[in-house]
Amino acid sequence: MLLLFVAVLVSAIAVSYSAHWNRQLLNTLYGELNERDKAQAEWGRLILEQSTWTAASRIENLASEQLKMRVPSADEVRMVAP
């Protein structure tokens, strides 16, 4: 009888531990999923920022304003033969 009581007690403790461990793993999983969602949102913002910084009109404006570059006239263009 004592052996049966000990077996039931050990089984109850094992079930309790298993449920607790399962809750901890689920909390960890949800935390990681939340972190993944934040990283994906940040990635989207960075892609948008990159496309803004590399827009052709922006580069052309910076080249003309800051570097004083301009499109050469036709007589300034030299054709180079291979």
PDB file of N, CA and C in Angstrom:
ATOM      1  N   MET A   1       0.824  -1.182   0.000  1.00  0.00           N
ATOM      2  CA  MET A   1       0.000   0.000   0.000  1.00  0.00           C
ATOM      3  C   MET A   1       0.877   1.256   0.000  1.00  0.00           C
ATOM      4  N   LEU A   2       1.928   1.217   0.790  1.00  0.00           N
ATOM      5  CA  LEU A   2       2.843   2.357   0.850  1.00  0.00           C
ATOM      6  C   LEU A   2       3.511   2.584  -0.503  1.00  0.00           C
ATOM      7  N   LEU A   3       3.846   1.510  -1.184  1.00  0.00           N
ATOM      8  CA  LEU A   3       4.473   1.607  -2.498  1.00  0.00           C
ATOM      9  C   LEU A   3       3.530   2.277  -3.501  1.00  0.00           C
ATOM     10  N   LEU A   4       2.250   1.939  -3.457  1.00  0.00           N
ATOM     11  CA  LEU A   4       1.262   2.543  -4.341  1.00  0.00           C
ATOM     12  C   LEU A   4       1.130   4.032  -4.045  1.00  0.00           C
ATOM     13  N   PHE A   5       1.113   4.408  -2.779  1.00  0.00           N
ATOM     14  CA  PHE A   5       1.025   5.820  -2.390  1.00  0.00           C
ATOM     15  C   PHE A   5       2.235   6.606  -2.903  1.00  0.00           C
ATOM     16  N   VAL A   6       3.408   6.050  -2.779  1.00  0.00           N
ATOM     17  CA  VAL A   6       4.629   6.702  -3.256  1.00  0.00           C
ATOM     18  C   VAL A   6       4.588   6.837  -4.771  1.00  0.00           C
ATOM     19  N   ALA A   7       4.118   5.808  -5.462  1.00  0.00           N
ATOM     20  CA  ALA A   7       4.032   5.860  -6.927  1.00  0.00           C
ATOM     21  C   ALA A   7       3.055   6.943  -7.375  1.00  0.00           C
ATOM     22  N   VAL A   8       1.915   7.061  -6.713  1.00  0.00           N
ATOM     23  CA  VAL A   8       0.930   8.099  -7.051  1.00  0.00           C
ATOM     24  C   VAL A   8       1.508   9.476  -6.754  1.00  0.00           C
ATOM     25  N   LEU A   9       2.199   9.627  -5.651  1.00  0.00           N
ATOM     26  CA  LEU A   9       2.802  10.905  -5.291  1.00  0.00           C
ATOM     27  C   LEU A   9       3.872  11.311  -6.301  1.00  0.00           C
ATOM     28  N   VAL A  10       4.727  10.390  -6.685  1.00  0.00           N
ATOM     29  CA  VAL A  10       5.766  10.670  -7.680  1.00  0.00           C
ATOM     30  C   VAL A  10       5.126  11.018  -9.017  1.00  0.00           C
ATOM     31  N   SER A  11       4.070  10.313  -9.378  1.00  0.00           N
ATOM     32  CA  SER A  11       3.373  10.588 -10.632  1.00  0.00           C
ATOM     33  C   SER A  11       2.748  11.982 -10.608  1.00  0.00           C
ATOM     34  N   ALA A  12       2.159  12.370  -9.500  1.00  0.00           N
ATOM     35  CA  ALA A  12       1.554  13.700  -9.384  1.00  0.00           C
ATOM     36  C   ALA A  12       2.610  14.792  -9.485  1.00  0.00           C
ATOM     37  N   ILE A  13       3.734  14.587  -8.856  1.00  0.00           N
ATOM     38  CA  ILE A  13       4.827  15.568  -8.931  1.00  0.00           C
ATOM     39  C   ILE A  13       5.351  15.651 -10.361  1.00  0.00           C
ATOM     40  N   ALA A  14       5.459  14.518 -11.038  1.00  0.00           N
ATOM     41  CA  ALA A  14       5.941  14.505 -12.424  1.00  0.00           C
ATOM     42  C   ALA A  14       4.969  15.237 -13.342  1.00  0.00           C
ATOM     43  N   VAL A  15       3.676  15.054 -13.147  1.00  0.00           N
ATOM     44  CA  VAL A  15       2.674  15.753 -13.963  1.00  0.00           C
ATOM     45  C   VAL A  15       2.750  17.250 -13.702  1.00  0.00           C
ATOM     46  N   SER A  16       2.886  17.631 -12.453  1.00  0.00           N
ATOM     47  CA  SER A  16       2.992  19.045 -12.105  1.00  0.00           C
ATOM     48  C   SER A  16       4.240  19.667 -12.720  1.00  0.00           C
ATOM     49  N   TYR A  17       5.355  18.971 -12.632  1.00  0.00           N
ATOM     50  CA  TYR A  17       6.603  19.466 -13.214  1.00  0.00           C
ATOM     51  C   TYR A  17       6.486  19.578 -14.730  1.00  0.00           C
ATOM     52  N   SER A  18       5.864  18.584 -15.339  1.00  0.00           N
ATOM     53  CA  SER A  18       5.696  18.591 -16.791  1.00  0.00           C
ATOM     54  C   SER A  18       4.825  19.771 -17.234  1.00  0.00           C
ATOM     55  N   ALA A  19       3.758  20.051 -16.523  1.00  0.00           N
ATOM     56  CA  ALA A  19       2.894  21.185 -16.860  1.00  0.00           C
ATOM     57  C   ALA A  19       3.642  22.502 -16.686  1.00  0.00           C
ATOM     58  N   HIS A  20       4.411  22.612 -15.623  1.00  0.00           N
ATOM     59  CA  HIS A  20       5.196  23.829 -15.385  1.00  0.00           C
ATOM     60  C   HIS A  20       6.234  24.029 -16.487  1.00  0.00           C
ATOM     61  N   TRP A  21       6.921  22.977 -16.849  1.00  0.00           N
ATOM     62  CA  TRP A  21       7.939  23.040 -17.904  1.00  0.00           C
ATOM     63  C   TRP A  21       7.302  23.421 -19.238  1.00  0.00           C
ATOM     64  N   ASN A  22       6.122  22.859 -19.511  1.00  0.00           N
ATOM     65  CA  ASN A  22       5.398  23.179 -20.735  1.00  0.00           C
ATOM     66  C   ASN A  22       5.038  24.667 -20.774  1.00  0.00           C
ATOM     67  N   ARG A  23       4.577  25.229 -19.659  1.00  0.00           N
ATOM     68  CA  ARG A  23       4.249  26.661 -19.602  1.00  0.00           C
ATOM     69  C   ARG A  23       5.488  27.515 -19.831  1.00  0.00           C
ATOM     70  N   GLN A  24       6.600  27.113 -19.254  1.00  0.00           N
ATOM     71  CA  GLN A  24       7.841  27.866 -19.463  1.00  0.00           C
ATOM     72  C   GLN A  24       8.260  27.840 -20.925  1.00  0.00           C
ATOM     73  N   LEU A  25       8.156  26.689 -21.558  1.00  0.00           N
ATOM     74  CA  LEU A  25       8.523  26.583 -22.971  1.00  0.00           C
ATOM     75  C   LEU A  25       7.592  27.411 -23.848  1.00  0.00           C
ATOM     76  N   LEU A  26       6.306  27.416 -23.534  1.00  0.00           N
ATOM     77  CA  LEU A  26       5.365  28.233 -24.302  1.00  0.00           C
ATOM     78  C   LEU A  26       5.662  29.719 -24.136  1.00  0.00           C
ATOM     79  N   ASN A  27       5.982  30.138 -22.922  1.00  0.00           N
ATOM     80  CA  ASN A  27       6.345  31.539 -22.703  1.00  0.00           C
ATOM     81  C   ASN A  27       7.595  31.906 -23.493  1.00  0.00           C
ATOM     82  N   THR A  28       8.562  31.017 -23.515  1.00  0.00           N
ATOM     83  CA  THR A  28       9.778  31.255 -24.298  1.00  0.00           C
ATOM     84  C   THR A  28       9.451  31.333 -25.785  1.00  0.00           C
ATOM     85  N   LEU A  29       8.603  30.430 -26.256  1.00  0.00           N
ATOM     86  CA  LEU A  29       8.208  30.428 -27.664  1.00  0.00           C
ATOM     87  C   LEU A  29       7.519  31.732 -28.038  1.00  0.00           C
ATOM     88  N   TYR A  30       6.563  32.179 -27.222  1.00  0.00           N
ATOM     89  CA  TYR A  30       5.853  33.420 -27.531  1.00  0.00           C
ATOM     90  C   TYR A  30       6.788  34.620 -27.489  1.00  0.00           C
ATOM     91  N   GLY A  31       7.750  34.598 -26.594  1.00  0.00           N
ATOM     92  CA  GLY A  31       8.743  35.671 -26.560  1.00  0.00           C
ATOM     93  C   GLY A  31       9.578  35.699 -27.826  1.00  0.00           C
ATOM     94  N   GLU A  32       9.994  34.525 -28.282  1.00  0.00           N
ATOM     95  CA  GLU A  32      10.787  34.448 -29.517  1.00  0.00           C
ATOM     96  C   GLU A  32       9.963  34.851 -30.736  1.00  0.00           C
ATOM     97  N   LEU A  33       8.694  34.459 -30.772  1.00  0.00           N
ATOM     98  CA  LEU A  33       7.828  34.866 -31.883  1.00  0.00           C
ATOM     99  C   LEU A  33       7.636  36.376 -31.898  1.00  0.00           C
ATOM    100  N   ASN A  34       7.496  36.966 -30.729  1.00  0.00           N
ATOM    101  CA  ASN A  34       7.373  38.418 -30.627  1.00  0.00           C
ATOM    102  C   ASN A  34       8.648  39.098 -31.112  1.00  0.00           C
ATOM    103  N   GLU A  35       9.784  38.552 -30.729  1.00  0.00           N
ATOM    104  CA  GLU A  35      11.075  39.091 -31.169  1.00  0.00           C
ATOM    105  C   GLU A  35      11.217  38.978 -32.690  1.00  0.00           C
ATOM    106  N   ARG A  36      10.775  37.857 -33.251  1.00  0.00           N
ATOM    107  CA  ARG A  36      10.816  37.675 -34.704  1.00  0.00           C
ATOM    108  C   ARG A  36       9.946  38.711 -35.414  1.00  0.00           C
ATOM    109  N   ASP A  37       8.752  38.958 -34.873  1.00  0.00           N
ATOM    110  CA  ASP A  37       7.863  39.943 -35.486  1.00  0.00           C
ATOM    111  C   ASP A  37       8.475  41.337 -35.450  1.00  0.00           C
ATOM    112  N   LYS A  38       9.117  41.671 -34.342  1.00  0.00           N
ATOM    113  CA  LYS A  38       9.788  42.974 -34.248  1.00  0.00           C
ATOM    114  C   LYS A  38      10.928  43.069 -35.261  1.00  0.00           C
ATOM    115  N   ALA A  39      11.685  41.981 -35.413  1.00  0.00           N
ATOM    116  CA  ALA A  39      12.797  41.978 -36.367  1.00  0.00           C
ATOM    117  C   ALA A  39      12.288  42.101 -37.801  1.00  0.00           C
ATOM    118  N   GLN A  40      11.176  41.453 -38.118  1.00  0.00           N
ATOM    119  CA  GLN A  40      10.615  41.561 -39.460  1.00  0.00           C
ATOM    120  C   GLN A  40      10.121  42.978 -39.731  1.00  0.00           C
ATOM    121  N   ALA A  41       9.506  43.617 -38.739  1.00  0.00           N
ATOM    122  CA  ALA A  41       9.052  44.994 -38.909  1.00  0.00           C
ATOM    123  C   ALA A  41      10.245  45.924 -39.112  1.00  0.00           C
ATOM    124  N   GLU A  42      11.301  45.722 -38.345  1.00  0.00           N
ATOM    125  CA  GLU A  42      12.514  46.528 -38.496  1.00  0.00           C
ATOM    126  C   GLU A  42      13.138  46.308 -39.873  1.00  0.00           C
ATOM    127  N   TRP A  43      13.139  45.075 -40.344  1.00  0.00           N
ATOM    128  CA  TRP A  43      13.678  44.764 -41.671  1.00  0.00           C
ATOM    129  C   TRP A  43      12.891  45.521 -42.743  1.00  0.00           C
ATOM    130  N   GLY A  44      11.579  45.534 -42.620  1.00  0.00           N
ATOM    131  CA  GLY A  44      10.750  46.267 -43.577  1.00  0.00           C
ATOM    132  C   GLY A  44      11.060  47.752 -43.573  1.00  0.00           C
ATOM    133  N   ARG A  45      11.236  48.318 -42.382  1.00  0.00           N
ATOM    134  CA  ARG A  45      11.584  49.747 -42.288  1.00  0.00           C
ATOM    135  C   ARG A  45      12.952  50.016 -42.906  1.00  0.00           C
ATOM    136  N   LEU A  46      13.902  49.116 -42.682  1.00  0.00           N
ATOM    137  CA  LEU A  46      15.239  49.308 -43.251  1.00  0.00           C
ATOM    138  C   LEU A  46      15.232  49.195 -44.775  1.00  0.00           C
ATOM    139  N   ILE A  47      14.445  48.286 -45.310  1.00  0.00           N
ATOM    140  CA  ILE A  47      14.335  48.161 -46.766  1.00  0.00           C
ATOM    141  C   ILE A  47      13.733  49.433 -47.352  1.00  0.00           C
ATOM    142  N   LEU A  48      12.711  49.966 -46.697  1.00  0.00           N
ATOM    143  CA  LEU A  48      12.094  51.209 -47.157  1.00  0.00           C
ATOM    144  C   LEU A  48      13.084  52.362 -47.082  1.00  0.00           C
ATOM    145  N   GLU A  49      13.849  52.421 -46.003  1.00  0.00           N
ATOM    146  CA  GLU A  49      14.852  53.477 -45.863  1.00  0.00           C
ATOM    147  C   GLU A  49      15.932  53.346 -46.933  1.00  0.00           C
ATOM    148  N   GLN A  50      16.347  52.132 -47.215  1.00  0.00           N
ATOM    149  CA  GLN A  50      17.365  51.923 -48.243  1.00  0.00           C
ATOM    150  C   GLN A  50      16.855  52.363 -49.608  1.00  0.00           C
ATOM    151  N   SER A  51      15.621  52.050 -49.915  1.00  0.00           N
ATOM    152  CA  SER A  51      15.085  52.457 -51.214  1.00  0.00           C
ATOM    153  C   SER A  51      14.957  53.970 -51.296  1.00  0.00           C
ATOM    154  N   THR A  52      14.697  54.620 -50.164  1.00  0.00           N
ATOM    155  CA  THR A  52      14.632  56.082 -50.153  1.00  0.00           C
ATOM    156  C   THR A  52      16.009  56.685 -50.387  1.00  0.00           C
ATOM    157  N   TRP A  53      17.017  56.136 -49.713  1.00  0.00           N
ATOM    158  CA  TRP A  53      18.373  56.679 -49.839  1.00  0.00           C
ATOM    159  C   TRP A  53      18.974  56.428 -51.212  1.00  0.00           C
ATOM    160  N   THR A  54      18.553  55.370 -51.880  1.00  0.00           N
ATOM    161  CA  THR A  54      19.142  55.038 -53.176  1.00  0.00           C
ATOM    162  C   THR A  54      18.259  55.435 -54.349  1.00  0.00           C
ATOM    163  N   ALA A  55      17.246  56.242 -54.110  1.00  0.00           N
ATOM    164  CA  ALA A  55      16.390  56.692 -55.210  1.00  0.00           C
ATOM    165  C   ALA A  55      17.229  57.521 -56.183  1.00  0.00           C
ATOM    166  N   ALA A  56      17.013  57.309 -57.465  1.00  0.00           N
ATOM    167  CA  ALA A  56      17.822  57.971 -58.495  1.00  0.00           C
ATOM    168  C   ALA A  56      17.700  59.491 -58.422  1.00  0.00           C
ATOM    169  N   SER A  57      16.511  59.992 -58.172  1.00  0.00           N
ATOM    170  CA  SER A  57      16.339  61.449 -58.108  1.00  0.00           C
ATOM    171  C   SER A  57      17.101  62.039 -56.921  1.00  0.00           C
ATOM    172  N   ARG A  58      17.127  61.334 -55.805  1.00  0.00           N
ATOM    173  CA  ARG A  58      17.861  61.828 -54.633  1.00  0.00           C
ATOM    174  C   ARG A  58      19.356  61.850 -54.919  1.00  0.00           C
ATOM    175  N   ILE A  59      19.865  60.796 -55.538  1.00  0.00           N
ATOM    176  CA  ILE A  59      21.293  60.742 -55.863  1.00  0.00           C
ATOM    177  C   ILE A  59      21.648  61.843 -56.854  1.00  0.00           C
ATOM    178  N   GLU A  60      20.779  62.067 -57.832  1.00  0.00           N
ATOM    179  CA  GLU A  60      21.039  63.120 -58.814  1.00  0.00           C
ATOM    180  C   GLU A  60      21.045  64.496 -58.152  1.00  0.00           C
ATOM    181  N   ASN A  61      20.116  64.740 -57.240  1.00  0.00           N
ATOM    182  CA  ASN A  61      20.080  66.022 -56.527  1.00  0.00           C
ATOM    183  C   ASN A  61      21.325  66.214 -55.670  1.00  0.00           C
ATOM    184  N   LEU A  62      21.743  65.177 -54.953  1.00  0.00           N
ATOM    185  CA  LEU A  62      22.947  65.290 -54.127  1.00  0.00           C
ATOM    186  C   LEU A  62      24.184  65.519 -54.984  1.00  0.00           C
ATOM    187  N   ALA A  63      24.263  64.845 -56.119  1.00  0.00           N
ATOM    188  CA  ALA A  63      25.423  65.015 -57.000  1.00  0.00           C
ATOM    189  C   ALA A  63      25.489  66.436 -57.540  1.00  0.00           C
ATOM    190  N   SER A  64      24.360  66.993 -57.907  1.00  0.00           N
ATOM    191  CA  SER A  64      24.380  68.346 -58.475  1.00  0.00           C
ATOM    192  C   SER A  64      24.556  69.414 -57.397  1.00  0.00           C
ATOM    193  N   GLU A  65      23.944  69.238 -56.232  1.00  0.00           N
ATOM    194  CA  GLU A  65      24.004  70.271 -55.192  1.00  0.00           C
ATOM    195  C   GLU A  65      25.308  70.223 -54.398  1.00  0.00           C
ATOM    196  N   GLN A  66      25.683  69.050 -53.910  1.00  0.00           N
ATOM    197  CA  GLN A  66      26.838  68.963 -53.023  1.00  0.00           C
ATOM    198  C   GLN A  66      28.149  68.794 -53.782  1.00  0.00           C
ATOM    199  N   LEU A  67      28.128  68.045 -54.861  1.00  0.00           N
ATOM    200  CA  LEU A  67      29.363  67.765 -55.592  1.00  0.00           C
ATOM    201  C   LEU A  67      29.519  68.633 -56.837  1.00  0.00           C
ATOM    202  N   LYS A  68      28.511  69.445 -57.110  1.00  0.00           N
ATOM    203  CA  LYS A  68      28.526  70.351 -58.276  1.00  0.00           C
ATOM    204  C   LYS A  68      28.720  69.571 -59.579  1.00  0.00           C
ATOM    205  N   MET A  69      28.138  68.406 -59.655  1.00  0.00           N
ATOM    206  CA  MET A  69      28.227  67.606 -60.876  1.00  0.00           C
ATOM    207  C   MET A  69      27.094  68.018 -61.811  1.00  0.00           C
ATOM    208  N   ARG A  70      27.302  67.801 -63.088  1.00  0.00           N
ATOM    209  CA  ARG A  70      26.269  68.113 -64.073  1.00  0.00           C
ATOM    210  C   ARG A  70      26.386  67.141 -65.229  1.00  0.00           C
ATOM    211  N   VAL A  71      25.352  67.089 -66.038  1.00  0.00           N
ATOM    212  CA  VAL A  71      25.374  66.249 -67.232  1.00  0.00           C
ATOM    213  C   VAL A  71      26.212  66.974 -68.276  1.00  0.00           C
ATOM    214  N   PRO A  72      27.191  66.322 -68.878  1.00  0.00           N
ATOM    215  CA  PRO A  72      28.045  67.000 -69.857  1.00  0.00           C
ATOM    216  C   PRO A  72      27.264  67.313 -71.137  1.00  0.00           C
ATOM    217  N   SER A  73      27.678  68.374 -71.788  1.00  0.00           N
ATOM    218  CA  SER A  73      27.059  68.710 -73.071  1.00  0.00           C
ATOM    219  C   SER A  73      27.585  67.755 -74.140  1.00  0.00           C
ATOM    220  N   ALA A  74      26.967  67.794 -75.297  1.00  0.00           N
ATOM    221  CA  ALA A  74      27.324  66.852 -76.362  1.00  0.00           C
ATOM    222  C   ALA A  74      28.759  67.036 -76.832  1.00  0.00           C
ATOM    223  N   ASP A  75      29.258  68.288 -76.881  1.00  0.00           N
ATOM    224  CA  ASP A  75      30.632  68.495 -77.347  1.00  0.00           C
ATOM    225  C   ASP A  75      31.672  68.114 -76.291  1.00  0.00           C
ATOM    226  N   GLU A  76      31.263  67.916 -75.042  1.00  0.00           N
ATOM    227  CA  GLU A  76      32.187  67.492 -73.985  1.00  0.00           C
ATOM    228  C   GLU A  76      32.321  65.965 -73.905  1.00  0.00           C
ATOM    229  N   VAL A  77      31.471  65.258 -74.609  1.00  0.00           N
ATOM    230  CA  VAL A  77      31.483  63.799 -74.560  1.00  0.00           C
ATOM    231  C   VAL A  77      32.488  63.272 -75.570  1.00  0.00           C
ATOM    232  N   ARG A  78      33.352  62.381 -75.144  1.00  0.00           N
ATOM    233  CA  ARG A  78      34.355  61.766 -76.017  1.00  0.00           C
ATOM    234  C   ARG A  78      34.041  60.276 -76.132  1.00  0.00           C
ATOM    235  N   MET A  79      33.999  59.772 -77.314  1.00  0.00           N
ATOM    236  CA  MET A  79      33.779  58.349 -77.542  1.00  0.00           C
ATOM    237  C   MET A  79      35.135  57.651 -77.543  1.00  0.00           C
ATOM    238  N   VAL A  80      35.245  56.575 -76.812  1.00  0.00           N
ATOM    239  CA  VAL A  80      36.495  55.829 -76.708  1.00  0.00           C
ATOM    240  C   VAL A  80      36.311  54.502 -77.436  1.00  0.00           C
ATOM    241  N   ALA A  81      37.190  54.241 -78.360  1.00  0.00           N
ATOM    242  CA  ALA A  81      37.126  52.979 -79.104  1.00  0.00           C
ATOM    243  C   ALA A  81      37.893  51.905 -78.348  1.00  0.00           C
ATOM    244  N   PRO A  82      37.425  50.677 -78.403  1.00  0.00           N
ATOM    245  CA  PRO A  82      38.122  49.602 -77.690  1.00  0.00           C
ATOM    246  C   PRO A  82      39.452  49.237 -78.309  1.00  0.00           C
TER     247      PRO A  82
END
